[in-house]
Amino acid sequence: MSNSSNEEEDKEFLRSNPWKWEEVIQAGWINWVLETPQFPCILQLDSLEYSVIETFDSTNDSTEVMKVYTKVNGIEKLAILKVYQDASRYRDTRLDGFIRELVAYSNLTHFGLCDEGLVPHCYGWYDFASDDPVVLSERHPYVPFIWEDEVAPRALLLEYLEDAVPLSAENYTPQMAPAVVDALQRIQSFGIIHRDPEIRNIVVRPDGNTFWVKASFSLTFESLTMF
């Protein structure tokens, strides 16, 4: 935390430019960024059995996002499995997309924002370390990092939003804008800065309800008073 007389100016700068990592470091606010979950809301899954239904194009070569059929609390359902390549190459764990998203969902779940319908629910996280590489290679033949890397990947199991599609010019209505902005501001009010507030990270259902997705670029701060 900065102790300078310009602390309020630092806060205002962060609010206005939350996506600029370098400036966040220079302002001293990096010391507030969580490196581990603040709340024990997202539990590690002991095992994970699933069938891949569909694989989605990813903008990042170190992740794979897919629709799977699995069991959640003993109930069979569709879900999103987001697998992250090991990021131990980063000296700062706050650059690890898995850690960022896990920490963000910890706060989102704790403060009830998933239940409010602003973002999908997170059912838990999983470490592939104990899985058979042969089985993984058969299940994910085109994503070698899942079964070839020396350090196994980790994954988040997320809610599958039935019938949701990316927001676009074809399905956008003016009524959506206030809801989208209000949701992002509410998320930020609980110390979570999305840092990638682009239209590609918003999905909409046929009823017009919108959801923010993808928190792998986010920063989650331990204090809520700065917002």
Protein backbone atom coordinates (compact mmCIF):
# COMPACT_ATOMS: atom_id res chain seq x y z
CA MET A 1 0.00 0.00 0.00
CA SER A 2 1.23 3.47 -0.87
CA ASN A 3 1.79 5.84 2.06
CA SER A 4 2.33 8.93 -0.08
CA SER A 5 0.19 12.05 0.09
CA ASN A 6 -0.93 11.18 -3.42
CA GLU A 7 -2.71 8.02 -2.30
CA GLU A 8 -6.12 9.23 -3.47
CA GLU A 9 -4.63 10.08 -6.87
CA ASP A 10 -3.19 6.55 -7.03
CA LYS A 11 -6.60 5.09 -6.28
CA GLU A 12 -8.27 7.20 -8.94
CA PHE A 13 -5.63 6.21 -11.48
CA LEU A 14 -6.20 2.53 -10.73
CA ARG A 15 -9.97 2.91 -11.06
CA SER A 16 -9.54 4.69 -14.39
CA ASN A 17 -6.83 2.40 -15.79
CA PRO A 18 -7.37 -1.03 -14.19
CA TRP A 19 -6.04 -2.95 -17.18
CA LYS A 20 -2.54 -1.40 -17.17
CA TRP A 21 -0.38 -3.88 -15.28
CA GLU A 22 2.82 -1.83 -15.39
CA GLU A 23 1.16 1.24 -13.93
CA VAL A 24 -0.45 -0.86 -11.19
CA ILE A 25 3.03 -2.02 -10.19
CA GLN A 26 4.49 1.49 -10.33
CA ALA A 27 1.66 2.87 -8.21
CA GLY A 28 2.48 0.35 -5.50
CA TRP A 29 -0.93 -1.33 -5.72
CA ILE A 30 0.58 -4.63 -6.78
CA ASN A 31 1.17 -5.27 -3.07
CA TRP A 32 -2.60 -5.48 -2.64
CA VAL A 33 -3.13 -8.10 -5.36
CA LEU A 34 -4.03 -11.52 -3.98
CA GLU A 35 -1.78 -14.45 -4.90
CA THR A 36 -3.96 -17.09 -3.23
CA PRO A 37 -7.73 -17.29 -2.65
CA GLN A 38 -8.93 -15.08 0.16
CA PHE A 39 -11.98 -17.26 0.84
CA PRO A 40 -12.14 -21.11 0.78
CA CYS A 41 -15.12 -21.19 -1.59
CA ILE A 42 -13.67 -23.06 -4.58
CA LEU A 43 -12.70 -26.58 -3.51
CA GLN A 44 -10.20 -28.88 -5.17
CA LEU A 45 -11.91 -31.85 -6.83
CA ASP A 46 -10.54 -35.25 -5.77
CA SER A 47 -11.41 -36.79 -9.12
CA LEU A 48 -12.89 -35.70 -12.41
CA GLU A 49 -14.57 -37.96 -14.95
CA TYR A 50 -15.85 -36.29 -18.09
CA SER A 51 -16.59 -36.68 -21.77
CA VAL A 52 -15.60 -33.91 -24.16
CA ILE A 53 -18.59 -32.68 -26.16
CA GLU A 54 -17.05 -29.67 -27.90
CA THR A 55 -13.76 -27.78 -27.88
CA PHE A 56 -13.84 -24.00 -28.30
CA ASP A 57 -11.26 -21.89 -30.07
CA SER A 58 -8.96 -20.26 -27.56
CA THR A 59 -7.09 -16.98 -27.97
CA ASN A 60 -4.36 -18.39 -25.74
CA ASP A 61 -2.19 -21.38 -26.67
CA SER A 62 -1.71 -22.22 -22.97
CA THR A 63 -5.39 -22.92 -22.28
CA GLU A 64 -8.03 -25.26 -23.61
CA VAL A 65 -11.72 -24.53 -23.12
CA MET A 66 -14.30 -27.22 -23.75
CA LYS A 67 -17.87 -28.23 -23.11
CA VAL A 68 -17.94 -31.49 -21.19
CA TYR A 69 -20.44 -33.92 -19.75
CA THR A 70 -19.61 -34.65 -16.13
CA LYS A 71 -21.03 -35.00 -12.62
CA VAL A 72 -21.43 -32.05 -10.27
CA ASN A 73 -22.40 -33.00 -6.72
CA GLY A 74 -23.51 -36.37 -8.05
CA ILE A 75 -25.73 -34.88 -10.76
CA GLU A 76 -24.86 -35.42 -14.43
CA LYS A 77 -24.77 -32.18 -16.36
CA LEU A 78 -22.99 -30.14 -18.99
CA ALA A 79 -20.18 -27.91 -17.78
CA ILE A 80 -17.24 -25.88 -19.06
CA LEU A 81 -13.78 -27.26 -18.35
CA LYS A 82 -11.01 -24.70 -18.68
CA VAL A 83 -7.54 -26.28 -18.63
CA TYR A 84 -4.44 -24.14 -17.99
CA GLN A 85 -0.88 -25.05 -18.88
CA ASP A 86 1.50 -24.96 -15.92
CA ALA A 87 2.76 -21.39 -15.43
CA SER A 88 5.67 -22.00 -13.05
CA ARG A 89 7.82 -20.23 -15.66
CA TYR A 90 6.44 -17.02 -14.17
CA ARG A 91 8.29 -15.83 -11.10
CA ASP A 92 5.20 -13.90 -9.99
CA THR A 93 2.17 -16.17 -9.52
CA ARG A 94 -0.08 -13.17 -10.17
CA LEU A 95 0.79 -13.64 -13.86
CA ASP A 96 -0.65 -17.17 -13.80
CA GLY A 97 -4.04 -17.20 -15.54
CA PHE A 98 -5.22 -20.16 -13.47
CA ILE A 99 -4.36 -18.41 -10.19
CA ARG A 100 -5.99 -15.18 -11.34
CA GLU A 101 -9.22 -16.90 -12.30
CA LEU A 102 -9.30 -19.13 -9.20
CA VAL A 103 -8.78 -16.14 -6.90
CA ALA A 104 -11.41 -14.11 -8.77
CA TYR A 105 -14.01 -16.89 -8.54
CA SER A 106 -13.26 -17.26 -4.84
CA ASN A 107 -14.37 -13.65 -4.30
CA LEU A 108 -17.20 -13.84 -6.84
CA THR A 109 -18.62 -16.89 -5.06
CA HIS A 110 -18.06 -15.56 -1.53
CA PHE A 111 -19.87 -12.31 -2.25
CA GLY A 112 -22.77 -14.00 -4.07
CA LEU A 113 -22.13 -12.56 -7.52
CA CYS A 114 -22.46 -15.99 -9.17
CA ASP A 115 -25.85 -16.47 -7.48
CA GLU A 116 -26.89 -13.03 -8.72
CA GLY A 117 -26.35 -14.18 -12.29
CA LEU A 118 -23.54 -11.77 -13.14
CA VAL A 119 -21.00 -14.52 -13.87
CA PRO A 120 -21.12 -18.33 -14.16
CA HIS A 121 -20.76 -20.53 -11.08
CA CYS A 122 -17.46 -22.31 -10.43
CA TYR A 123 -17.87 -25.92 -9.27
CA GLY A 124 -14.24 -26.50 -8.27
CA TRP A 125 -10.70 -26.91 -9.56
CA TYR A 126 -8.73 -29.97 -10.55
CA ASP A 127 -5.07 -30.99 -10.79
CA PHE A 128 -4.26 -33.48 -13.58
CA ALA A 129 -1.09 -34.70 -11.82
CA SER A 130 -2.55 -38.12 -10.98
CA ASP A 131 -4.16 -38.74 -14.39
CA ASP A 132 -2.77 -41.28 -16.85
CA PRO A 133 -0.91 -39.42 -19.66
CA VAL A 134 -2.01 -42.07 -22.17
CA VAL A 135 -5.68 -41.48 -21.34
CA LEU A 136 -5.16 -37.72 -21.52
CA SER A 137 -3.42 -37.97 -24.89
CA GLU A 138 -6.38 -39.92 -26.28
CA ARG A 139 -8.87 -37.44 -24.85
CA HIS A 140 -6.94 -34.33 -25.92
CA PRO A 141 -4.85 -35.36 -28.96
CA TYR A 142 -4.43 -31.81 -30.28
CA VAL A 143 -3.41 -30.19 -26.96
CA PRO A 144 -0.05 -31.79 -26.10
CA PHE A 145 0.67 -29.58 -23.09
CA ILE A 146 -2.03 -31.46 -21.17
CA TRP A 147 -0.19 -34.78 -21.34
CA GLU A 148 3.38 -33.93 -22.41
CA ASP A 149 4.46 -31.21 -19.98
CA GLU A 150 6.63 -32.18 -17.03
CA VAL A 151 4.26 -30.37 -14.66
CA ALA A 152 0.60 -31.33 -15.04
CA PRO A 153 -1.97 -28.65 -15.89
CA ARG A 154 -4.80 -27.52 -13.65
CA ALA A 155 -8.38 -26.74 -14.56
CA LEU A 156 -11.51 -24.95 -13.43
CA LEU A 157 -14.92 -26.57 -13.78
CA LEU A 158 -17.45 -23.85 -14.59
CA GLU A 159 -21.17 -23.59 -15.14
CA TYR A 160 -22.34 -24.15 -18.70
CA LEU A 161 -24.81 -21.40 -19.59
CA GLU A 162 -27.45 -23.15 -21.67
CA ASP A 163 -28.27 -21.40 -24.96
CA ALA A 164 -25.87 -18.52 -24.20
CA VAL A 165 -24.01 -17.05 -27.17
CA PRO A 166 -21.38 -14.30 -27.48
CA LEU A 167 -22.79 -10.80 -27.49
CA SER A 168 -22.72 -9.32 -30.99
CA ALA A 169 -24.29 -6.68 -33.20
CA GLU A 170 -26.92 -9.24 -34.22
CA ASN A 171 -28.23 -9.98 -30.72
CA TYR A 172 -27.46 -6.70 -28.92
CA THR A 173 -30.30 -4.47 -27.70
CA PRO A 174 -29.96 -1.01 -26.09
CA GLN A 175 -31.55 -2.41 -22.91
CA MET A 176 -28.51 -4.61 -22.36
CA ALA A 177 -26.00 -1.78 -21.98
CA PRO A 178 -26.99 -0.64 -18.45
CA ALA A 179 -27.06 -4.23 -17.19
CA VAL A 180 -23.62 -5.00 -18.64
CA VAL A 181 -22.05 -1.84 -17.19
CA ASP A 182 -23.79 -2.20 -13.81
CA ALA A 183 -22.61 -5.82 -13.54
CA LEU A 184 -19.00 -4.87 -14.24
CA GLN A 185 -19.14 -2.04 -11.70
CA ARG A 186 -20.65 -4.36 -9.09
CA ILE A 187 -17.92 -6.94 -9.71
CA GLN A 188 -15.29 -4.23 -9.32
CA SER A 189 -16.87 -3.01 -6.07
CA PHE A 190 -15.82 -6.31 -4.49
CA GLY A 191 -12.15 -5.87 -5.37
CA ILE A 192 -12.13 -7.75 -8.68
CA ILE A 193 -10.78 -5.89 -11.71
CA HIS A 194 -11.65 -7.78 -14.90
CA ARG A 195 -8.92 -6.14 -17.03
CA ASP A 196 -10.37 -7.44 -20.30
CA PRO A 197 -13.80 -5.79 -20.54
CA GLU A 198 -14.34 -6.57 -24.21
CA ILE A 199 -17.50 -7.64 -25.98
CA ARG A 200 -15.96 -11.08 -26.62
CA ASN A 201 -16.13 -11.71 -22.87
CA ILE A 202 -19.89 -11.15 -22.60
CA VAL A 203 -22.46 -13.82 -23.40
CA VAL A 204 -26.21 -13.43 -23.66
CA ARG A 205 -29.11 -15.83 -23.28
CA PRO A 206 -32.30 -15.77 -25.39
CA ASP A 207 -34.12 -14.01 -22.51
CA GLY A 208 -31.65 -11.11 -22.77
CA ASN A 209 -29.73 -11.85 -19.57
CA THR A 210 -26.01 -11.15 -19.96
CA PHE A 211 -23.01 -12.66 -18.18
CA TRP A 212 -19.37 -11.65 -17.89
CA VAL A 213 -16.96 -14.53 -18.57
CA LYS A 214 -13.19 -15.14 -18.59
CA ALA A 215 -11.33 -13.80 -15.57
CA SER A 216 -7.85 -15.06 -16.43
CA PHE A 217 -6.57 -11.49 -16.88
CA SER A 218 -8.23 -10.23 -13.71
CA LEU A 219 -6.65 -8.77 -10.59
CA THR A 220 -8.31 -9.37 -7.23
CA PHE A 221 -7.41 -7.06 -4.36
CA GLU A 222 -7.44 -7.94 -0.69
CA SER A 223 -9.04 -4.65 0.34
CA LEU A 224 -12.49 -3.48 -0.75
CA THR A 225 -12.04 0.03 0.63
CA MET A 226 -9.90 1.13 -2.31
CA PHE A 227 -12.87 0.93 -4.64
